[in-house]
Amino acid sequence: MPLKEHVQTSTEGRLPIRGKFFVGFFIAAWITTSVVSLFLANSLLKGAEIGEDVFTVWQLACSIMYGILVTKVLRLHKLSELSRKQIRAIVPLSIAYLVKELLKYASLGRVSVNLFNTIRSSGPMFSIVLEILCFKHYPTSGIVTALLPIVLGVTATSIDEMHASLQTSGIFVQGVGLVAAIASTAINNAQNIYSKLL
């Protein structure tokens, strides 16, 4: 490609100053409404009996409104059309994300946040196992050796956390929370592996 054509194509994709101003304005407006919503949530949830769902819907509505303003009204960014192949690739990722989030909140409702975060830290172990299963890529002995302290630490901490939490809830509730946390972590790493396969 000649240099002149390369310079032309590299400058064509840039936003004009006006476009940059509008994008900056909408980002600032989005941040402002998010911060205002958080302060309102803290004050109104304590004083009045307004559910958290109202503020979640408000933030979602603001995000949609700014997205429509940027793409449809001001036409700063053109929406791209998705092909059937792209949709077929996105749908499993979306479903996995939804299931992962449901399992995460199911786990957080049954086990402590410390236990959940401890299990989430075992993510590299799940990545190694999934890479072996999907790519037949076996890790080196150095990687396996580096994972041993993580696995042992997660196991010891999980047992200690569950033992400390058993006074507040039963073993069945703790077990369901533990399985949900492990499944959420595994699905999170499976999403990463699946996106590598695309």
Protein backbone atom coordinates (compact mmCIF):
# COMPACT_ATOMS: atom_id res chain seq x y z
CA MET A 1 0.00 0.00 0.00
CA PRO A 2 1.49 3.39 -0.94
CA LEU A 3 2.18 5.83 1.88
CA LYS A 4 -0.37 8.38 0.63
CA GLU A 5 -3.21 5.82 0.71
CA HIS A 6 -2.13 4.64 4.16
CA VAL A 7 -2.23 8.19 5.53
CA GLN A 8 -5.68 8.75 4.03
CA THR A 9 -7.16 5.56 5.49
CA SER A 10 -5.65 6.17 8.91
CA THR A 11 -7.16 9.68 9.17
CA GLU A 12 -10.59 8.72 7.81
CA GLY A 13 -11.62 6.85 10.97
CA ARG A 14 -10.90 9.77 13.33
CA LEU A 15 -13.71 11.69 15.00
CA PRO A 16 -13.94 15.42 14.33
CA ILE A 17 -13.50 17.80 17.28
CA ARG A 18 -17.28 18.26 17.53
CA GLY A 19 -17.76 14.50 17.74
CA LYS A 20 -15.12 14.17 20.45
CA PHE A 21 -16.81 16.94 22.41
CA PHE A 22 -20.20 15.18 22.22
CA VAL A 23 -18.74 11.81 23.21
CA GLY A 24 -16.96 13.43 26.16
CA PHE A 25 -20.15 15.24 27.13
CA PHE A 26 -22.20 12.04 27.13
CA ILE A 27 -19.59 10.12 29.08
CA ALA A 28 -19.55 12.91 31.69
CA ALA A 29 -23.37 12.95 31.76
CA TRP A 30 -23.46 9.16 32.19
CA ILE A 31 -20.96 9.29 35.07
CA THR A 32 -22.86 12.17 36.69
CA THR A 33 -26.21 10.38 36.55
CA SER A 34 -24.60 7.21 37.91
CA VAL A 35 -23.07 9.07 40.86
CA VAL A 36 -26.30 10.99 41.51
CA SER A 37 -28.22 7.71 41.37
CA LEU A 38 -25.88 6.13 43.92
CA PHE A 39 -26.26 9.07 46.32
CA LEU A 40 -30.03 9.03 45.85
CA ALA A 41 -30.07 5.30 46.42
CA ASN A 42 -28.16 5.64 49.68
CA SER A 43 -30.33 8.45 51.01
CA LEU A 44 -33.74 7.30 49.74
CA LEU A 45 -33.28 3.64 50.60
CA LYS A 46 -32.58 4.60 54.20
CA GLY A 47 -35.36 7.20 54.52
CA ALA A 48 -38.13 6.06 52.20
CA GLU A 49 -39.10 2.53 51.32
CA ILE A 50 -38.07 2.62 47.67
CA GLY A 51 -36.67 -0.58 46.24
CA GLU A 52 -33.22 -0.89 44.73
CA ASP A 53 -34.86 -2.06 41.51
CA VAL A 54 -36.06 1.50 40.81
CA PHE A 55 -32.48 2.79 40.75
CA THR A 56 -31.27 -0.13 38.68
CA VAL A 57 -33.97 0.60 36.09
CA TRP A 58 -33.06 4.31 36.21
CA GLN A 59 -29.39 3.58 35.45
CA LEU A 60 -30.36 1.18 32.67
CA ALA A 61 -32.70 3.78 31.17
CA CYS A 62 -29.95 6.43 31.26
CA SER A 63 -27.51 4.08 29.54
CA ILE A 64 -30.06 3.28 26.83
CA MET A 65 -30.91 6.96 26.40
CA TYR A 66 -27.25 7.96 25.96
CA GLY A 67 -26.68 5.06 23.59
CA ILE A 68 -29.62 6.12 21.42
CA LEU A 69 -28.45 9.74 21.47
CA VAL A 70 -24.94 8.80 20.33
CA THR A 71 -25.97 6.29 17.66
CA LYS A 72 -29.34 7.43 16.33
CA VAL A 73 -29.79 11.15 17.06
CA LEU A 74 -26.26 12.54 16.71
CA ARG A 75 -25.05 9.71 14.47
CA LEU A 76 -21.59 9.82 16.04
CA HIS A 77 -21.16 6.08 15.79
CA LYS A 78 -22.83 3.83 13.26
CA LEU A 79 -24.32 0.61 14.58
CA SER A 80 -22.91 -2.42 12.82
CA GLU A 81 -25.11 -5.17 11.47
CA LEU A 82 -24.63 -8.59 13.02
CA SER A 83 -24.44 -11.60 10.74
CA ARG A 84 -26.02 -14.94 11.61
CA LYS A 85 -22.57 -16.35 12.29
CA GLN A 86 -21.84 -13.56 14.79
CA ILE A 87 -25.20 -14.05 16.49
CA ARG A 88 -24.57 -17.80 16.76
CA ALA A 89 -21.23 -17.00 18.42
CA ILE A 90 -22.68 -14.37 20.77
CA VAL A 91 -25.73 -16.29 22.02
CA PRO A 92 -23.80 -19.02 23.91
CA LEU A 93 -21.56 -16.37 25.49
CA SER A 94 -24.63 -14.39 26.57
CA ILE A 95 -26.35 -17.43 28.04
CA ALA A 96 -23.16 -18.45 29.85
CA TYR A 97 -22.80 -14.92 31.23
CA LEU A 98 -26.40 -14.95 32.49
CA VAL A 99 -25.97 -18.37 34.15
CA LYS A 100 -22.64 -17.27 35.65
CA GLU A 101 -24.21 -14.16 37.18
CA LEU A 102 -27.19 -16.12 38.55
CA LEU A 103 -24.84 -18.65 40.13
CA LYS A 104 -22.69 -15.84 41.53
CA TYR A 105 -25.62 -14.20 43.28
CA ALA A 106 -27.00 -17.57 44.41
CA SER A 107 -23.60 -18.27 45.94
CA LEU A 108 -23.29 -14.84 47.58
CA GLY A 109 -26.69 -15.38 49.19
CA ARG A 110 -25.50 -18.58 50.85
CA VAL A 111 -21.78 -18.21 51.59
CA SER A 112 -19.61 -15.34 52.75
CA VAL A 113 -18.04 -12.93 50.29
CA ASN A 114 -14.60 -14.05 51.49
CA LEU A 115 -15.32 -17.65 50.56
CA PHE A 116 -16.73 -16.63 47.18
CA ASN A 117 -13.68 -14.49 46.38
CA THR A 118 -11.38 -17.28 47.54
CA ILE A 119 -13.02 -19.69 45.13
CA ARG A 120 -12.88 -17.07 42.35
CA SER A 121 -9.12 -16.86 42.89
CA SER A 122 -8.88 -20.50 41.80
CA GLY A 123 -9.73 -19.39 38.24
CA PRO A 124 -6.27 -20.22 36.83
CA MET A 125 -6.78 -23.86 37.84
CA PHE A 126 -10.02 -24.00 35.84
CA SER A 127 -8.29 -22.34 32.88
CA ILE A 128 -5.59 -25.02 32.87
CA VAL A 129 -8.12 -27.86 33.05
CA LEU A 130 -10.26 -26.35 30.27
CA GLU A 131 -7.23 -25.75 28.04
CA ILE A 132 -6.28 -29.41 28.46
CA LEU A 133 -9.82 -30.50 27.56
CA CYS A 134 -10.39 -28.08 24.66
CA PHE A 135 -6.96 -27.57 23.10
CA LYS A 136 -5.05 -30.63 24.34
CA HIS A 137 -2.51 -28.06 25.58
CA TYR A 138 -0.69 -29.51 28.57
CA PRO A 139 0.97 -27.04 30.95
CA THR A 140 4.63 -27.16 31.83
CA SER A 141 5.76 -28.45 35.20
CA GLY A 142 6.53 -24.87 36.26
CA ILE A 143 2.91 -23.83 35.74
CA VAL A 144 1.62 -26.87 37.64
CA THR A 145 4.06 -26.16 40.47
CA ALA A 146 2.90 -22.53 40.60
CA LEU A 147 -0.74 -23.69 40.81
CA LEU A 148 -0.18 -26.01 43.78
CA PRO A 149 -0.07 -23.22 46.41
CA ILE A 150 -3.22 -21.69 44.91
CA VAL A 151 -5.11 -24.99 45.04
CA LEU A 152 -3.93 -25.80 48.56
CA GLY A 153 -4.61 -22.26 49.79
CA VAL A 154 -8.09 -22.16 48.28
CA THR A 155 -8.91 -25.57 49.75
CA ALA A 156 -7.66 -24.69 53.24
CA THR A 157 -9.34 -21.28 53.25
CA SER A 158 -12.61 -22.69 51.93
CA ILE A 159 -12.72 -25.34 54.66
CA ASP A 160 -11.91 -22.72 57.31
CA GLU A 161 -14.52 -20.26 55.98
CA MET A 162 -17.21 -22.95 55.75
CA HIS A 163 -16.41 -24.11 59.28
CA ALA A 164 -16.74 -20.53 60.57
CA SER A 165 -20.00 -20.00 58.65
CA LEU A 166 -21.66 -23.25 59.75
CA GLN A 167 -22.87 -21.61 62.95
CA THR A 168 -25.06 -19.18 60.97
CA SER A 169 -26.41 -21.57 58.34
CA GLY A 170 -26.58 -25.29 57.76
CA ILE A 171 -24.18 -27.50 55.85
CA PHE A 172 -26.65 -27.94 52.97
CA VAL A 173 -26.93 -24.18 52.43
CA GLN A 174 -23.14 -23.84 52.59
CA GLY A 175 -22.72 -26.74 50.17
CA VAL A 176 -25.14 -25.21 47.65
CA GLY A 177 -23.30 -21.89 47.91
CA LEU A 178 -19.93 -23.58 47.46
CA VAL A 179 -21.08 -25.52 44.39
CA ALA A 180 -22.63 -22.35 42.91
CA ALA A 181 -19.37 -20.43 43.44
CA ILE A 182 -17.31 -23.21 41.83
CA ALA A 183 -19.73 -23.44 38.89
CA SER A 184 -19.69 -19.66 38.43
CA THR A 185 -15.88 -19.63 38.35
CA ALA A 186 -15.76 -22.56 35.93
CA ILE A 187 -18.29 -20.91 33.58
CA ASN A 188 -16.33 -17.66 33.69
CA ASN A 189 -13.19 -19.45 32.55
CA ALA A 190 -15.13 -21.50 30.00
CA GLN A 191 -16.32 -18.23 28.45
CA ASN A 192 -12.70 -17.16 28.00
CA ILE A 193 -11.77 -20.48 26.42
CA TYR A 194 -14.85 -20.40 24.14
CA SER A 195 -14.00 -16.90 22.94
CA LYS A 196 -10.51 -18.16 22.01
CA LEU A 197 -12.14 -20.85 19.87
CA LEU A 198 -14.12 -18.26 17.87
